[in-house]
Structures are given as structure tokens and as C-alpha cells.
Amino acid sequence: MNRSGTPVTTLLQWLKVEPAQLLVIVDDADLPLGGRIRLRIAGLGSGGHNGLRSIIETLGGSEEFARLRVGIGRSAPLGADISGHVLGRFAPSERESAEQAVAVAVEAVDCCLREGLTEAMNQFNRKKSAE
């Protein structure tokens, strides 16, 4: 996942679409598990996410693509290595929250497709996935 840029760029070229038509879905340790999801139209850098960094780099520095961040929580202090947490399994006590977060992310993507990204942002950036 840290090297997502090459396959994403190849797919965009194959589909003959622009980065502005892309929605990248990523995990976000800075959002609590089962907490809010965040949709953005473009920009705001990688936020420290290596997969987003890779995509931005292979797009020649362009950040003109939408992203949906889904919270996975943070298991260690800011700046500490969290690769074990990111790549590991959710604890049994976290499973329900993880499933809820995925369900809300799916609803948000469906809303993006049906009603557009701006409407999805209006609906889901305010809504806690635990609701």
C-alpha cells in the first residue's frame, strides 16, 4: 500500500481519466476507530500517509484527487512506529467499530456516486460513523 502510486497512475492512464475523477480510500490513524470519516475534494498533502504520498509523487506532485479517510485509531504516541497496528488485525473488542466504519465508508462512496462529492461531504463529514 505504501507504493500505491504506480498502480493508481497506471489505472488512470488505462481508463483515460484525470486525477480529479479519482477517489482514494485510506486508513487514518489520526481518526478514531469508529469515529468520523473525512472526505476531501483535493489537496492537504499526504497527512503522513505513505500510500497517499506515493500517489501524489507519481502524479507529479498533483494533489487534485479526492480522498476518503477512514479512522483506525492510533495504538502508539504520535511519531511512534504504528506499522504493526496498521497492518495487524483488529482486536475482538474493536470488530464492531471496524465493521461500522467500513459500512459508513461504503455509504459515503455510494453517496459520492449518486449525488456527488460535495453532497457526500456535507452528509458524512458531520456524521459520526458510530451513529
Protein backbone atom coordinates (compact mmCIF):
# COMPACT_ATOMS: atom_id res chain seq x y z
CA MET A 1 0.00 0.00 0.00
CA ASN A 2 2.90 2.34 0.62
CA ARG A 3 3.71 2.18 -3.11
CA SER A 4 0.20 2.75 -4.42
CA GLY A 5 1.25 5.50 -6.80
CA THR A 6 2.42 3.40 -9.73
CA PRO A 7 -0.66 1.15 -9.97
CA VAL A 8 -3.01 4.09 -9.41
CA THR A 9 -1.32 6.15 -12.13
CA THR A 10 -1.30 3.16 -14.49
CA LEU A 11 -5.02 2.61 -13.87
CA LEU A 12 -5.83 6.28 -14.50
CA GLN A 13 -3.94 6.12 -17.80
CA TRP A 14 -5.60 2.86 -18.81
CA LEU A 15 -9.07 4.23 -18.00
CA LYS A 16 -8.17 7.55 -19.63
CA VAL A 17 -9.41 9.58 -16.67
CA GLU A 18 -7.94 12.54 -14.86
CA PRO A 19 -6.84 12.51 -11.22
CA ALA A 20 -9.80 14.80 -10.41
CA GLN A 21 -12.05 11.79 -11.17
CA LEU A 22 -10.25 9.61 -8.61
CA LEU A 23 -11.41 8.83 -5.07
CA VAL A 24 -8.72 7.24 -2.91
CA ILE A 25 -9.85 5.47 0.26
CA VAL A 26 -7.24 5.23 3.02
CA ASP A 27 -6.93 4.27 6.65
CA ASP A 28 -6.19 7.11 9.05
CA ALA A 29 -4.60 6.50 12.44
CA ASP A 30 -5.35 10.09 13.45
CA LEU A 31 -9.09 9.43 13.31
CA PRO A 32 -10.55 7.20 16.00
CA LEU A 33 -11.76 3.75 15.09
CA GLY A 34 -15.49 4.02 14.61
CA GLY A 35 -15.16 7.82 14.65
CA ARG A 36 -15.66 10.29 11.86
CA ILE A 37 -14.69 9.64 8.28
CA ARG A 38 -13.35 12.55 6.29
CA LEU A 39 -13.98 13.27 2.64
CA ARG A 40 -11.89 15.89 0.84
CA ILE A 41 -12.09 17.08 -2.73
CA ALA A 42 -8.35 17.60 -3.12
CA GLY A 43 -5.19 18.90 -1.53
CA LEU A 44 -4.00 18.91 2.07
CA GLY A 45 -0.98 16.74 1.27
CA SER A 46 -0.47 13.18 2.37
CA GLY A 47 -1.03 13.78 6.07
CA GLY A 48 1.87 11.41 6.69
CA HIS A 49 0.13 8.56 4.85
CA ASN A 50 2.74 6.75 2.75
CA GLY A 51 0.22 5.48 0.20
CA LEU A 52 -1.11 8.99 -0.43
CA ARG A 53 2.46 10.30 -0.60
CA SER A 54 3.25 7.72 -3.28
CA ILE A 55 0.18 8.66 -5.33
CA ILE A 56 0.99 12.37 -5.10
CA GLU A 57 4.59 11.72 -6.18
CA THR A 58 3.63 9.59 -9.20
CA LEU A 59 1.08 12.20 -10.25
CA GLY A 60 3.96 14.68 -10.48
CA GLY A 61 3.08 16.38 -7.20
CA SER A 62 -0.59 16.80 -8.06
CA GLU A 63 -2.99 16.57 -5.13
CA GLU A 64 -6.03 17.09 -7.35
CA PHE A 65 -7.84 13.92 -6.37
CA ALA A 66 -10.48 13.20 -3.75
CA ARG A 67 -9.77 11.16 -0.68
CA LEU A 68 -11.82 9.37 1.92
CA ARG A 69 -10.07 8.79 5.24
CA VAL A 70 -11.43 6.04 7.48
CA GLY A 71 -10.36 6.04 11.12
CA ILE A 72 -8.44 3.08 12.51
CA GLY A 73 -7.26 4.79 15.70
CA ARG A 74 -3.72 5.08 16.97
CA SER A 75 -2.12 2.48 19.18
CA ALA A 76 1.05 4.43 19.94
CA PRO A 77 2.06 8.04 20.61
CA LEU A 78 2.35 10.46 17.69
CA GLY A 79 5.64 9.89 15.88
CA ALA A 80 6.00 6.28 17.06
CA ASP A 81 6.02 3.38 14.59
CA ILE A 82 2.46 2.15 14.10
CA SER A 83 3.08 -0.28 11.23
CA GLY A 84 2.14 -3.26 13.43
CA HIS A 85 -1.16 -1.58 14.26
CA VAL A 86 -1.88 -0.55 10.67
CA LEU A 87 -1.06 -3.99 9.26
CA GLY A 88 -2.45 -6.02 12.17
CA ARG A 89 -5.88 -7.38 12.94
CA PHE A 90 -8.50 -5.58 14.95
CA ALA A 91 -8.98 -6.91 18.46
CA PRO A 92 -12.29 -8.73 19.07
CA SER A 93 -13.46 -5.72 21.10
CA GLU A 94 -12.81 -3.44 18.08
CA ARG A 95 -14.52 -5.59 15.46
CA GLU A 96 -17.96 -3.99 15.70
CA SER A 97 -16.49 -0.47 15.44
CA ALA A 98 -14.35 -1.51 12.46
CA GLU A 99 -17.35 -3.01 10.67
CA GLN A 100 -19.38 0.14 11.35
CA ALA A 101 -16.58 2.34 9.98
CA VAL A 102 -16.45 0.27 6.78
CA ALA A 103 -20.24 0.41 6.43
CA VAL A 104 -20.23 4.20 6.74
CA ALA A 105 -17.37 4.46 4.22
CA VAL A 106 -19.38 2.35 1.77
CA GLU A 107 -22.40 4.63 2.27
CA ALA A 108 -20.20 7.67 1.64
CA VAL A 109 -18.80 6.21 -1.60
CA ASP A 110 -22.32 5.32 -2.75
CA CYS A 111 -23.42 8.89 -1.99
CA CYS A 112 -20.45 10.25 -3.97
CA LEU A 113 -21.51 8.20 -6.97
CA ARG A 114 -25.21 9.05 -6.73
CA GLU A 115 -25.16 12.66 -5.52
CA GLY A 116 -21.61 13.90 -6.00
CA LEU A 117 -18.67 14.51 -3.74
CA THR A 118 -19.85 17.85 -2.37
CA GLU A 119 -23.15 16.39 -1.16
CA ALA A 120 -21.34 13.39 0.33
CA MET A 121 -19.01 15.75 2.17
CA ASN A 122 -22.00 17.68 3.51
CA GLN A 123 -23.62 14.49 4.78
CA PHE A 124 -20.67 12.44 6.03
CA ASN A 125 -18.07 14.89 7.27
CA ARG A 126 -20.50 15.89 10.02
CA LYS A 127 -21.80 12.42 10.76
CA LYS A 128 -20.05 10.15 13.26
CA SER A 129 -19.78 6.61 11.96
CA ALA A 130 -20.79 5.34 15.39
CA GLU A 131 -24.30 6.80 14.92
